[in-house]
Amino acid sequence: MKSNGNQSQRIYDKTTRTWYEVPEDQYREFDRWRTNLRKREQYWGCCFCPRGK
């Protein structure tokens, strides 16, 4: 599998129903925020997302 240094990732916006191309570092920051939010919601008992999702 080939890995390129500056690959862009895509983020979906539900409100506008569009995909946005973002740089890898910005995507990583967004993913960290999203995972943190999910874990907090699971801890508080508000989110029932399975661990694998």
N, C-alpha and C. Protein backbone atom coordinates (compact mmCIF):
# COMPACT_ATOMS: atom_id res chain seq x y z
N MET A 1 0.84 -1.18 0.00
CA MET A 1 0.00 0.00 0.00
C MET A 1 0.88 1.24 0.00
N LYS A 2 0.58 2.15 -0.87
CA LYS A 2 1.38 3.35 -1.02
C LYS A 2 0.82 4.46 -0.13
N SER A 3 1.70 5.20 0.53
CA SER A 3 1.24 6.31 1.37
C SER A 3 1.87 7.60 0.88
N ASN A 4 1.04 8.59 0.64
CA ASN A 4 1.50 9.89 0.21
C ASN A 4 1.54 10.84 1.39
N GLY A 5 2.45 11.77 1.42
CA GLY A 5 2.62 12.67 2.55
C GLY A 5 1.48 13.65 2.75
N ASN A 6 1.01 14.28 1.69
CA ASN A 6 0.00 15.33 1.84
C ASN A 6 -1.35 14.91 1.26
N GLN A 7 -1.92 13.85 1.76
CA GLN A 7 -3.23 13.44 1.29
C GLN A 7 -4.29 14.26 1.99
N SER A 8 -5.38 14.53 1.29
CA SER A 8 -6.48 15.26 1.92
C SER A 8 -7.56 14.27 2.31
N GLN A 9 -8.28 14.61 3.34
CA GLN A 9 -9.38 13.79 3.83
C GLN A 9 -10.68 14.53 3.58
N ARG A 10 -11.79 13.82 3.72
CA ARG A 10 -13.09 14.42 3.48
C ARG A 10 -13.91 14.41 4.76
N ILE A 11 -14.63 15.53 5.01
CA ILE A 11 -15.53 15.66 6.15
C ILE A 11 -16.91 15.98 5.59
N TYR A 12 -17.93 15.26 6.08
CA TYR A 12 -19.30 15.48 5.61
C TYR A 12 -20.03 16.42 6.54
N ASP A 13 -20.71 17.42 5.97
CA ASP A 13 -21.52 18.35 6.73
C ASP A 13 -22.98 18.01 6.51
N LYS A 14 -23.67 17.57 7.57
CA LYS A 14 -25.06 17.13 7.43
C LYS A 14 -26.00 18.27 7.09
N THR A 15 -25.75 19.47 7.60
CA THR A 15 -26.68 20.57 7.38
C THR A 15 -26.72 21.00 5.91
N THR A 16 -25.57 21.06 5.27
CA THR A 16 -25.53 21.46 3.85
C THR A 16 -25.46 20.26 2.91
N ARG A 17 -25.29 19.07 3.47
CA ARG A 17 -25.20 17.82 2.70
C ARG A 17 -24.09 17.88 1.66
N THR A 18 -22.93 18.35 2.09
CA THR A 18 -21.78 18.43 1.18
C THR A 18 -20.55 17.83 1.84
N TRP A 19 -19.63 17.38 1.02
CA TRP A 19 -18.35 16.87 1.47
C TRP A 19 -17.32 17.99 1.32
N TYR A 20 -16.44 18.12 2.30
CA TYR A 20 -15.37 19.11 2.25
C TYR A 20 -14.03 18.41 2.29
N GLU A 21 -13.15 18.80 1.39
CA GLU A 21 -11.78 18.29 1.38
C GLU A 21 -10.96 19.12 2.36
N VAL A 22 -10.32 18.46 3.31
CA VAL A 22 -9.51 19.16 4.30
C VAL A 22 -8.14 18.50 4.37
N PRO A 23 -7.12 19.24 4.78
CA PRO A 23 -5.78 18.65 4.92
C PRO A 23 -5.76 17.60 6.02
N GLU A 24 -4.77 16.75 5.95
CA GLU A 24 -4.65 15.63 6.89
C GLU A 24 -4.58 16.11 8.34
N ASP A 25 -3.81 17.15 8.62
CA ASP A 25 -3.68 17.61 10.01
C ASP A 25 -5.00 18.18 10.55
N GLN A 26 -5.75 18.89 9.71
CA GLN A 26 -7.04 19.43 10.14
C GLN A 26 -8.04 18.29 10.36
N TYR A 27 -7.99 17.27 9.52
CA TYR A 27 -8.87 16.11 9.70
C TYR A 27 -8.55 15.38 11.00
N ARG A 28 -7.26 15.24 11.31
CA ARG A 28 -6.85 14.57 12.54
C ARG A 28 -7.35 15.33 13.77
N GLU A 29 -7.28 16.67 13.72
CA GLU A 29 -7.78 17.50 14.81
C GLU A 29 -9.30 17.33 14.97
N PHE A 30 -10.03 17.32 13.85
CA PHE A 30 -11.47 17.12 13.88
C PHE A 30 -11.81 15.73 14.43
N ASP A 31 -11.09 14.72 14.01
CA ASP A 31 -11.35 13.35 14.46
C ASP A 31 -11.08 13.21 15.96
N ARG A 32 -10.06 13.87 16.46
CA ARG A 32 -9.77 13.86 17.89
C ARG A 32 -10.91 14.50 18.68
N TRP A 33 -11.41 15.64 18.17
CA TRP A 33 -12.54 16.32 18.82
C TRP A 33 -13.78 15.43 18.82
N ARG A 34 -14.06 14.79 17.67
CA ARG A 34 -15.25 13.93 17.53
C ARG A 34 -15.17 12.73 18.46
N THR A 35 -14.00 12.12 18.56
CA THR A 35 -13.83 10.97 19.44
C THR A 35 -13.96 11.39 20.89
N ASN A 36 -13.40 12.53 21.24
CA ASN A 36 -13.50 13.04 22.60
C ASN A 36 -14.96 13.28 22.99
N LEU A 37 -15.74 13.87 22.10
CA LEU A 37 -17.15 14.13 22.36
C LEU A 37 -17.91 12.82 22.55
N ARG A 38 -17.66 11.84 21.70
CA ARG A 38 -18.34 10.55 21.80
C ARG A 38 -18.02 9.87 23.11
N LYS A 39 -16.75 9.89 23.53
CA LYS A 39 -16.36 9.26 24.78
C LYS A 39 -17.00 9.94 25.99
N ARG A 40 -17.07 11.28 25.96
CA ARG A 40 -17.75 11.99 27.06
C ARG A 40 -19.21 11.63 27.13
N GLU A 41 -19.89 11.56 25.97
CA GLU A 41 -21.30 11.21 25.94
C GLU A 41 -21.51 9.77 26.44
N GLN A 42 -20.61 8.86 26.09
CA GLN A 42 -20.72 7.49 26.58
C GLN A 42 -20.54 7.45 28.09
N TYR A 43 -19.61 8.22 28.62
CA TYR A 43 -19.36 8.24 30.05
C TYR A 43 -20.58 8.78 30.81
N TRP A 44 -21.23 9.80 30.25
CA TRP A 44 -22.39 10.40 30.90
C TRP A 44 -23.66 9.58 30.70
N GLY A 45 -23.60 8.59 29.80
CA GLY A 45 -24.77 7.76 29.55
C GLY A 45 -25.72 8.32 28.52
N CYS A 46 -25.29 9.30 27.75
CA CYS A 46 -26.16 9.92 26.74
C CYS A 46 -25.99 9.28 25.36
N CYS A 47 -24.85 8.69 25.10
CA CYS A 47 -24.55 8.12 23.79
C CYS A 47 -24.39 6.61 23.93
N PHE A 48 -25.03 5.88 23.05
CA PHE A 48 -24.93 4.43 23.11
C PHE A 48 -24.27 3.86 21.86
N CYS A 49 -23.37 4.63 21.28
CA CYS A 49 -22.63 4.17 20.10
C CYS A 49 -21.76 2.99 20.51
N PRO A 50 -21.76 1.91 19.75
CA PRO A 50 -20.86 0.81 20.08
C PRO A 50 -19.41 1.23 19.95
N ARG A 51 -18.55 0.54 20.63
CA ARG A 51 -17.14 0.88 20.62
C ARG A 51 -16.55 0.83 19.22
N GLY A 52 -16.96 -0.14 18.42
CA GLY A 52 -16.44 -0.29 17.06
C GLY A 52 -16.89 0.77 16.09
N LYS A 53 -17.90 1.53 16.40
CA LYS A 53 -18.43 2.55 15.48
C LYS A 53 -17.81 3.88 15.78
